[in-house]
Amino acid sequence: MADEQPQQRYDVVEVDVRLTVIAYGDVLADYATAATAPDTPRPVVDDYAVAVDALALARRVPAEDVPPVLAVGVRALRRVHLALVP
């Protein structure tokens, strides 16, 4: 018999969820400078903190729990975006 290497099986949905978390982190990083500037209004900073917390949590929970966590983060990030974009 030929040496058979065990095949790694990836759950496609889990991979998609984890890639979404990575993309969310990239978008979040794009707002970091503006959202943490000294003259940024406190509600914007608070919303950005919620978005960052959601990212941290999304990296730790099982894949099936990520979508609702990111939903909270995305809503907070949208408020940040609307406050920062004239």
PDB file of N, CA and C in Angstrom:
ATOM      1  N   MET A   1       0.836  -1.187   0.000  1.00  0.00           N
ATOM      2  CA  MET A   1       0.000   0.000   0.000  1.00  0.00           C
ATOM      3  C   MET A   1       0.875   1.242   0.000  1.00  0.00           C
ATOM      4  N   ALA A   2       0.444   2.187  -0.701  1.00  0.00           N
ATOM      5  CA  ALA A   2       1.154   3.454  -0.740  1.00  0.00           C
ATOM      6  C   ALA A   2       0.888   4.211   0.558  1.00  0.00           C
ATOM      7  N   ASP A   3       1.865   5.006   0.920  1.00  0.00           N
ATOM      8  CA  ASP A   3       1.668   5.837   2.108  1.00  0.00           C
ATOM      9  C   ASP A   3       0.561   6.831   1.844  1.00  0.00           C
ATOM     10  N   GLU A   4      -0.434   6.761   2.660  1.00  0.00           N
ATOM     11  CA  GLU A   4      -1.557   7.686   2.514  1.00  0.00           C
ATOM     12  C   GLU A   4      -1.452   8.765   3.580  1.00  0.00           C
ATOM     13  N   GLN A   5      -1.525   9.973   3.138  1.00  0.00           N
ATOM     14  CA  GLN A   5      -1.521  11.094   4.071  1.00  0.00           C
ATOM     15  C   GLN A   5      -2.960  11.412   4.440  1.00  0.00           C
ATOM     16  N   PRO A   6      -3.192  11.649   5.710  1.00  0.00           N
ATOM     17  CA  PRO A   6      -4.573  11.992   6.091  1.00  0.00           C
ATOM     18  C   PRO A   6      -4.977  13.309   5.444  1.00  0.00           C
ATOM     19  N   GLN A   7      -6.157  13.302   4.927  1.00  0.00           N
ATOM     20  CA  GLN A   7      -6.659  14.527   4.294  1.00  0.00           C
ATOM     21  C   GLN A   7      -7.283  15.405   5.357  1.00  0.00           C
ATOM     22  N   GLN A   8      -6.934  16.656   5.291  1.00  0.00           N
ATOM     23  CA  GLN A   8      -7.564  17.610   6.200  1.00  0.00           C
ATOM     24  C   GLN A   8      -8.863  18.060   5.570  1.00  0.00           C
ATOM     25  N   ARG A   9      -9.902  17.967   6.347  1.00  0.00           N
ATOM     26  CA  ARG A   9     -11.205  18.387   5.850  1.00  0.00           C
ATOM     27  C   ARG A   9     -11.559  19.703   6.513  1.00  0.00           C
ATOM     28  N   TYR A  10     -11.871  20.652   5.716  1.00  0.00           N
ATOM     29  CA  TYR A  10     -12.250  21.961   6.220  1.00  0.00           C
ATOM     30  C   TYR A  10     -13.728  22.174   5.976  1.00  0.00           C
ATOM     31  N   ASP A  11     -14.370  22.673   6.955  1.00  0.00           N
ATOM     32  CA  ASP A  11     -15.758  23.054   6.809  1.00  0.00           C
ATOM     33  C   ASP A  11     -15.781  24.375   6.035  1.00  0.00           C
ATOM     34  N   VAL A  12     -16.395  24.360   4.881  1.00  0.00           N
ATOM     35  CA  VAL A  12     -16.405  25.537   4.003  1.00  0.00           C
ATOM     36  C   VAL A  12     -17.021  26.744   4.703  1.00  0.00           C
ATOM     37  N   VAL A  13     -18.080  26.525   5.450  1.00  0.00           N
ATOM     38  CA  VAL A  13     -18.725  27.635   6.145  1.00  0.00           C
ATOM     39  C   VAL A  13     -17.781  28.211   7.197  1.00  0.00           C
ATOM     40  N   GLU A  14     -17.095  27.351   7.927  1.00  0.00           N
ATOM     41  CA  GLU A  14     -16.171  27.847   8.946  1.00  0.00           C
ATOM     42  C   GLU A  14     -15.039  28.654   8.321  1.00  0.00           C
ATOM     43  N   VAL A  15     -14.537  28.198   7.190  1.00  0.00           N
ATOM     44  CA  VAL A  15     -13.483  28.946   6.493  1.00  0.00           C
ATOM     45  C   VAL A  15     -14.013  30.308   6.058  1.00  0.00           C
ATOM     46  N   ASP A  16     -15.217  30.342   5.501  1.00  0.00           N
ATOM     47  CA  ASP A  16     -15.813  31.617   5.086  1.00  0.00           C
ATOM     48  C   ASP A  16     -15.996  32.553   6.273  1.00  0.00           C
ATOM     49  N   VAL A  17     -16.428  32.013   7.390  1.00  0.00           N
ATOM     50  CA  VAL A  17     -16.628  32.834   8.582  1.00  0.00           C
ATOM     51  C   VAL A  17     -15.298  33.395   9.055  1.00  0.00           C
ATOM     52  N   ARG A  18     -14.281  32.577   9.097  1.00  0.00           N
ATOM     53  CA  ARG A  18     -12.967  33.038   9.565  1.00  0.00           C
ATOM     54  C   ARG A  18     -12.368  34.066   8.601  1.00  0.00           C
ATOM     55  N   LEU A  19     -12.574  33.895   7.314  1.00  0.00           N
ATOM     56  CA  LEU A  19     -12.106  34.904   6.354  1.00  0.00           C
ATOM     57  C   LEU A  19     -12.862  36.217   6.526  1.00  0.00           C
ATOM     58  N   THR A  20     -14.132  36.134   6.854  1.00  0.00           N
ATOM     59  CA  THR A  20     -14.918  37.338   7.109  1.00  0.00           C
ATOM     60  C   THR A  20     -14.387  38.078   8.336  1.00  0.00           C
ATOM     61  N   VAL A  21     -13.993  37.342   9.357  1.00  0.00           N
ATOM     62  CA  VAL A  21     -13.426  37.960  10.558  1.00  0.00           C
ATOM     63  C   VAL A  21     -12.132  38.690  10.201  1.00  0.00           C
ATOM     64  N   ILE A  22     -11.315  38.081   9.357  1.00  0.00           N
ATOM     65  CA  ILE A  22     -10.068  38.726   8.929  1.00  0.00           C
ATOM     66  C   ILE A  22     -10.371  40.009   8.155  1.00  0.00           C
ATOM     67  N   ALA A  23     -11.321  39.940   7.238  1.00  0.00           N
ATOM     68  CA  ALA A  23     -11.684  41.128   6.452  1.00  0.00           C
ATOM     69  C   ALA A  23     -12.255  42.224   7.346  1.00  0.00           C
ATOM     70  N   TYR A  24     -13.081  41.851   8.315  1.00  0.00           N
ATOM     71  CA  TYR A  24     -13.637  42.820   9.259  1.00  0.00           C
ATOM     72  C   TYR A  24     -12.511  43.507  10.027  1.00  0.00           C
ATOM     73  N   GLY A  25     -11.516  42.751  10.435  1.00  0.00           N
ATOM     74  CA  GLY A  25     -10.365  43.320  11.136  1.00  0.00           C
ATOM     75  C   GLY A  25      -9.616  44.320  10.272  1.00  0.00           C
ATOM     76  N   ASP A  26      -9.486  44.014   8.987  1.00  0.00           N
ATOM     77  CA  ASP A  26      -8.810  44.939   8.065  1.00  0.00           C
ATOM     78  C   ASP A  26      -9.579  46.245   7.928  1.00  0.00           C
ATOM     79  N   VAL A  27     -10.891  46.148   7.797  1.00  0.00           N
ATOM     80  CA  VAL A  27     -11.720  47.355   7.689  1.00  0.00           C
ATOM     81  C   VAL A  27     -11.647  48.162   8.982  1.00  0.00           C
ATOM     82  N   LEU A  28     -11.709  47.469  10.087  1.00  0.00           N
ATOM     83  CA  LEU A  28     -11.635  48.129  11.390  1.00  0.00           C
ATOM     84  C   LEU A  28     -10.320  48.887  11.542  1.00  0.00           C
ATOM     85  N   ALA A  29      -9.243  48.297  11.093  1.00  0.00           N
ATOM     86  CA  ALA A  29      -7.929  48.942  11.183  1.00  0.00           C
ATOM     87  C   ALA A  29      -7.880  50.235  10.365  1.00  0.00           C
ATOM     88  N   ASP A  30      -8.608  50.268   9.257  1.00  0.00           N
ATOM     89  CA  ASP A  30      -8.638  51.475   8.426  1.00  0.00           C
ATOM     90  C   ASP A  30      -9.247  52.679   9.158  1.00  0.00           C
ATOM     91  N   TYR A  31     -10.098  52.418  10.124  1.00  0.00           N
ATOM     92  CA  TYR A  31     -10.749  53.495  10.875  1.00  0.00           C
ATOM     93  C   TYR A  31      -9.991  53.874  12.147  1.00  0.00           C
ATOM     94  N   ALA A  32      -8.958  53.134  12.498  1.00  0.00           N
ATOM     95  CA  ALA A  32      -8.289  53.306  13.792  1.00  0.00           C
ATOM     96  C   ALA A  32      -7.775  54.732  14.011  1.00  0.00           C
ATOM     97  N   THR A  33      -7.088  55.288  13.056  1.00  0.00           N
ATOM     98  CA  THR A  33      -6.499  56.611  13.223  1.00  0.00           C
ATOM     99  C   THR A  33      -7.570  57.678  13.445  1.00  0.00           C
ATOM    100  N   ALA A  34      -8.577  57.675  12.605  1.00  0.00           N
ATOM    101  CA  ALA A  34      -9.627  58.695  12.725  1.00  0.00           C
ATOM    102  C   ALA A  34     -10.480  58.493  13.973  1.00  0.00           C
ATOM    103  N   ALA A  35     -10.756  57.246  14.317  1.00  0.00           N
ATOM    104  CA  ALA A  35     -11.643  56.982  15.442  1.00  0.00           C
ATOM    105  C   ALA A  35     -10.972  57.209  16.792  1.00  0.00           C
ATOM    106  N   THR A  36      -9.655  57.247  16.818  1.00  0.00           N
ATOM    107  CA  THR A  36      -8.949  57.430  18.085  1.00  0.00           C
ATOM    108  C   THR A  36      -8.202  58.755  18.157  1.00  0.00           C
ATOM    109  N   ALA A  37      -8.480  59.653  17.228  1.00  0.00           N
ATOM    110  CA  ALA A  37      -7.852  60.977  17.250  1.00  0.00           C
ATOM    111  C   ALA A  37      -8.326  61.749  18.485  1.00  0.00           C
ATOM    112  N   PRO A  38      -7.489  62.652  18.992  1.00  0.00           N
ATOM    113  CA  PRO A  38      -7.843  63.391  20.216  1.00  0.00           C
ATOM    114  C   PRO A  38      -9.139  64.201  20.116  1.00  0.00           C
ATOM    115  N   ASP A  39      -9.472  64.676  18.924  1.00  0.00           N
ATOM    116  CA  ASP A  39     -10.668  65.511  18.778  1.00  0.00           C
ATOM    117  C   ASP A  39     -11.920  64.715  18.381  1.00  0.00           C
ATOM    118  N   THR A  40     -11.822  63.414  18.377  1.00  0.00           N
ATOM    119  CA  THR A  40     -12.968  62.576  18.013  1.00  0.00           C
ATOM    120  C   THR A  40     -13.996  62.600  19.148  1.00  0.00           C
ATOM    121  N   PRO A  41     -15.260  62.821  18.817  1.00  0.00           N
ATOM    122  CA  PRO A  41     -16.299  62.846  19.854  1.00  0.00           C
ATOM    123  C   PRO A  41     -16.366  61.518  20.624  1.00  0.00           C
ATOM    124  N   ARG A  42     -16.674  61.602  21.892  1.00  0.00           N
ATOM    125  CA  ARG A  42     -16.704  60.425  22.770  1.00  0.00           C
ATOM    126  C   ARG A  42     -17.626  59.315  22.267  1.00  0.00           C
ATOM    127  N   PRO A  43     -18.832  59.628  21.756  1.00  0.00           N
ATOM    128  CA  PRO A  43     -19.692  58.544  21.257  1.00  0.00           C
ATOM    129  C   PRO A  43     -19.054  57.757  20.109  1.00  0.00           C
ATOM    130  N   VAL A  44     -18.277  58.435  19.285  1.00  0.00           N
ATOM    131  CA  VAL A  44     -17.595  57.754  18.177  1.00  0.00           C
ATOM    132  C   VAL A  44     -16.525  56.821  18.729  1.00  0.00           C
ATOM    133  N   VAL A  45     -15.777  57.291  19.698  1.00  0.00           N
ATOM    134  CA  VAL A  45     -14.749  56.454  20.334  1.00  0.00           C
ATOM    135  C   VAL A  45     -15.397  55.242  20.996  1.00  0.00           C
ATOM    136  N   ASP A  46     -16.517  55.459  21.653  1.00  0.00           N
ATOM    137  CA  ASP A  46     -17.232  54.355  22.307  1.00  0.00           C
ATOM    138  C   ASP A  46     -17.715  53.326  21.290  1.00  0.00           C
ATOM    139  N   ASP A  47     -18.281  53.804  20.172  1.00  0.00           N
ATOM    140  CA  ASP A  47     -18.734  52.883  19.130  1.00  0.00           C
ATOM    141  C   ASP A  47     -17.557  52.118  18.524  1.00  0.00           C
ATOM    142  N   TYR A  48     -16.437  52.788  18.348  1.00  0.00           N
ATOM    143  CA  TYR A  48     -15.251  52.110  17.818  1.00  0.00           C
ATOM    144  C   TYR A  48     -14.784  51.037  18.807  1.00  0.00           C
ATOM    145  N   ALA A  49     -14.851  51.325  20.085  1.00  0.00           N
ATOM    146  CA  ALA A  49     -14.467  50.339  21.097  1.00  0.00           C
ATOM    147  C   ALA A  49     -15.392  49.120  21.047  1.00  0.00           C
ATOM    148  N   VAL A  50     -16.663  49.339  20.812  1.00  0.00           N
ATOM    149  CA  VAL A  50     -17.599  48.221  20.671  1.00  0.00           C
ATOM    150  C   VAL A  50     -17.216  47.379  19.453  1.00  0.00           C
ATOM    151  N   ALA A  51     -16.880  48.030  18.360  1.00  0.00           N
ATOM    152  CA  ALA A  51     -16.489  47.309  17.151  1.00  0.00           C
ATOM    153  C   ALA A  51     -15.216  46.494  17.379  1.00  0.00           C
ATOM    154  N   VAL A  52     -14.262  47.052  18.102  1.00  0.00           N
ATOM    155  CA  VAL A  52     -13.021  46.332  18.411  1.00  0.00           C
ATOM    156  C   VAL A  52     -13.303  45.154  19.335  1.00  0.00           C
ATOM    157  N   ASP A  53     -14.151  45.360  20.323  1.00  0.00           N
ATOM    158  CA  ASP A  53     -14.516  44.264  21.227  1.00  0.00           C
ATOM    159  C   ASP A  53     -15.214  43.132  20.471  1.00  0.00           C
ATOM    160  N   ALA A  54     -16.054  43.492  19.515  1.00  0.00           N
ATOM    161  CA  ALA A  54     -16.736  42.475  18.717  1.00  0.00           C
ATOM    162  C   ALA A  54     -15.724  41.653  17.919  1.00  0.00           C
ATOM    163  N   LEU A  55     -14.710  42.310  17.392  1.00  0.00           N
ATOM    164  CA  LEU A  55     -13.667  41.585  16.657  1.00  0.00           C
ATOM    165  C   LEU A  55     -12.929  40.625  17.577  1.00  0.00           C
ATOM    166  N   ALA A  56     -12.567  41.089  18.753  1.00  0.00           N
ATOM    167  CA  ALA A  56     -11.858  40.232  19.703  1.00  0.00           C
ATOM    168  C   ALA A  56     -12.715  39.017  20.077  1.00  0.00           C
ATOM    169  N   LEU A  57     -13.998  39.236  20.287  1.00  0.00           N
ATOM    170  CA  LEU A  57     -14.890  38.137  20.638  1.00  0.00           C
ATOM    171  C   LEU A  57     -15.082  37.187  19.452  1.00  0.00           C
ATOM    172  N   ALA A  58     -15.220  37.747  18.256  1.00  0.00           N
ATOM    173  CA  ALA A  58     -15.423  36.916  17.062  1.00  0.00           C
ATOM    174  C   ALA A  58     -14.242  35.986  16.809  1.00  0.00           C
ATOM    175  N   ARG A  59     -13.062  36.382  17.238  1.00  0.00           N
ATOM    176  CA  ARG A  59     -11.884  35.529  17.071  1.00  0.00           C
ATOM    177  C   ARG A  59     -11.863  34.369  18.058  1.00  0.00           C
ATOM    178  N   ARG A  60     -12.677  34.438  19.090  1.00  0.00           N
ATOM    179  CA  ARG A  60     -12.631  33.429  20.153  1.00  0.00           C
ATOM    180  C   ARG A  60     -13.828  32.483  20.197  1.00  0.00           C
ATOM    181  N   VAL A  61     -14.938  32.876  19.605  1.00  0.00           N
ATOM    182  CA  VAL A  61     -16.140  32.056  19.697  1.00  0.00           C
ATOM    183  C   VAL A  61     -16.176  31.037  18.553  1.00  0.00           C
ATOM    184  N   PRO A  62     -16.976  29.989  18.700  1.00  0.00           N
ATOM    185  CA  PRO A  62     -17.133  29.029  17.606  1.00  0.00           C
ATOM    186  C   PRO A  62     -17.717  29.715  16.361  1.00  0.00           C
ATOM    187  N   ALA A  63     -17.447  29.146  15.214  1.00  0.00           N
ATOM    188  CA  ALA A  63     -17.864  29.751  13.943  1.00  0.00           C
ATOM    189  C   ALA A  63     -19.350  30.053  13.889  1.00  0.00           C
ATOM    190  N   GLU A  64     -20.180  29.186  14.476  1.00  0.00           N
ATOM    191  CA  GLU A  64     -21.625  29.427  14.399  1.00  0.00           C
ATOM    192  C   GLU A  64     -22.069  30.629  15.223  1.00  0.00           C
ATOM    193  N   ASP A  65     -21.238  31.095  16.145  1.00  0.00           N
ATOM    194  CA  ASP A  65     -21.581  32.263  16.955  1.00  0.00           C
ATOM    195  C   ASP A  65     -21.012  33.569  16.402  1.00  0.00           C
ATOM    196  N   VAL A  66     -20.207  33.483  15.379  1.00  0.00           N
ATOM    197  CA  VAL A  66     -19.553  34.679  14.838  1.00  0.00           C
ATOM    198  C   VAL A  66     -20.527  35.650  14.166  1.00  0.00           C
ATOM    199  N   PRO A  67     -21.453  35.204  13.311  1.00  0.00           N
ATOM    200  CA  PRO A  67     -22.321  36.177  12.623  1.00  0.00           C
ATOM    201  C   PRO A  67     -23.065  37.146  13.547  1.00  0.00           C
ATOM    202  N   PRO A  68     -23.698  36.691  14.633  1.00  0.00           N
ATOM    203  CA  PRO A  68     -24.373  37.686  15.478  1.00  0.00           C
ATOM    204  C   PRO A  68     -23.403  38.633  16.185  1.00  0.00           C
ATOM    205  N   VAL A  69     -22.218  38.135  16.513  1.00  0.00           N
ATOM    206  CA  VAL A  69     -21.209  38.999  17.149  1.00  0.00           C
ATOM    207  C   VAL A  69     -20.759  40.070  16.166  1.00  0.00           C
ATOM    208  N   LEU A  70     -20.470  39.653  14.935  1.00  0.00           N
ATOM    209  CA  LEU A  70     -20.048  40.635  13.933  1.00  0.00           C
ATOM    210  C   LEU A  70     -21.169  41.598  13.569  1.00  0.00           C
ATOM    211  N   ALA A  71     -22.405  41.153  13.670  1.00  0.00           N
ATOM    212  CA  ALA A  71     -23.527  42.058  13.384  1.00  0.00           C
ATOM    213  C   ALA A  71     -23.521  43.244  14.337  1.00  0.00           C
ATOM    214  N   VAL A  72     -23.248  42.972  15.603  1.00  0.00           N
ATOM    215  CA  VAL A  72     -23.155  44.058  16.588  1.00  0.00           C
ATOM    216  C   VAL A  72     -21.989  44.978  16.231  1.00  0.00           C
ATOM    217  N   GLY A  73     -20.848  44.382  15.896  1.00  0.00           N
ATOM    218  CA  GLY A  73     -19.672  45.169  15.543  1.00  0.00           C
ATOM    219  C   GLY A  73     -19.872  46.003  14.291  1.00  0.00           C
ATOM    220  N   VAL A  74     -20.520  45.423  13.302  1.00  0.00           N
ATOM    221  CA  VAL A  74     -20.749  46.144  12.043  1.00  0.00           C
ATOM    222  C   VAL A  74     -21.680  47.333  12.263  1.00  0.00           C
ATOM    223  N   ARG A  75     -22.706  47.152  13.089  1.00  0.00           N
ATOM    224  CA  ARG A  75     -23.600  48.289  13.380  1.00  0.00           C
ATOM    225  C   ARG A  75     -22.831  49.411  14.082  1.00  0.00           C
ATOM    226  N   ALA A  76     -21.963  49.046  15.015  1.00  0.00           N
ATOM    227  CA  ALA A  76     -21.157  50.061  15.700  1.00  0.00           C
ATOM    228  C   ALA A  76     -20.203  50.738  14.720  1.00  0.00           C
ATOM    229  N   LEU A  77     -19.577  49.946  13.854  1.00  0.00           N
ATOM    230  CA  LEU A  77     -18.654  50.512  12.874  1.00  0.00           C
ATOM    231  C   LEU A  77     -19.381  51.407  11.871  1.00  0.00           C
ATOM    232  N   ARG A  78     -20.604  51.075  11.545  1.00  0.00           N
ATOM    233  CA  ARG A  78     -21.392  51.935  10.648  1.00  0.00           C
ATOM    234  C   ARG A  78     -21.633  53.296  11.301  1.00  0.00           C
ATOM    235  N   ARG A  79     -21.936  53.293  12.603  1.00  0.00           N
ATOM    236  CA  ARG A  79     -22.129  54.566  13.303  1.00  0.00           C
ATOM    237  C   ARG A  79     -20.833  55.377  13.296  1.00  0.00           C
ATOM    238  N   VAL A  80     -19.713  54.701  13.458  1.00  0.00           N
ATOM    239  CA  VAL A  80     -18.409  55.389  13.384  1.00  0.00           C
ATOM    240  C   VAL A  80     -18.230  56.000  12.003  1.00  0.00           C
ATOM    241  N   HIS A  81     -18.494  55.210  10.990  1.00  0.00           N
ATOM    242  CA  HIS A  81     -18.353  55.690   9.603  1.00  0.00           C
ATOM    243  C   HIS A  81     -19.226  56.909   9.349  1.00  0.00           C
ATOM    244  N   LEU A  82     -20.489  56.821   9.727  1.00  0.00           N
ATOM    245  CA  LEU A  82     -21.402  57.942   9.488  1.00  0.00           C
ATOM    246  C   LEU A  82     -20.983  59.195  10.248  1.00  0.00           C
ATOM    247  N   ALA A  83     -20.402  59.025  11.421  1.00  0.00           N
ATOM    248  CA  ALA A  83     -19.953  60.186  12.203  1.00  0.00           C
ATOM    249  C   ALA A  83     -18.688  60.815  11.634  1.00  0.00           C
ATOM    250  N   LEU A  84     -17.850  60.017  11.001  1.00  0.00           N
ATOM    251  CA  LEU A  84     -16.565  60.524  10.522  1.00  0.00           C
ATOM    252  C   LEU A  84     -16.599  61.036   9.090  1.00  0.00           C
ATOM    253  N   VAL A  85     -17.510  60.524   8.294  1.00  0.00           N
ATOM    254  CA  VAL A  85     -17.579  60.930   6.893  1.00  0.00           C
ATOM    255  C   VAL A  85     -18.539  62.101   6.763  1.00  0.00           C
ATOM    256  N   PRO A  86     -18.045  63.208   6.251  1.00  0.00           N
ATOM    257  CA  PRO A  86     -18.909  64.401   6.149  1.00  0.00           C
ATOM    258  C   PRO A  86     -20.003  64.248   5.106  1.00  0.00           C
TER     259      PRO A  86
END
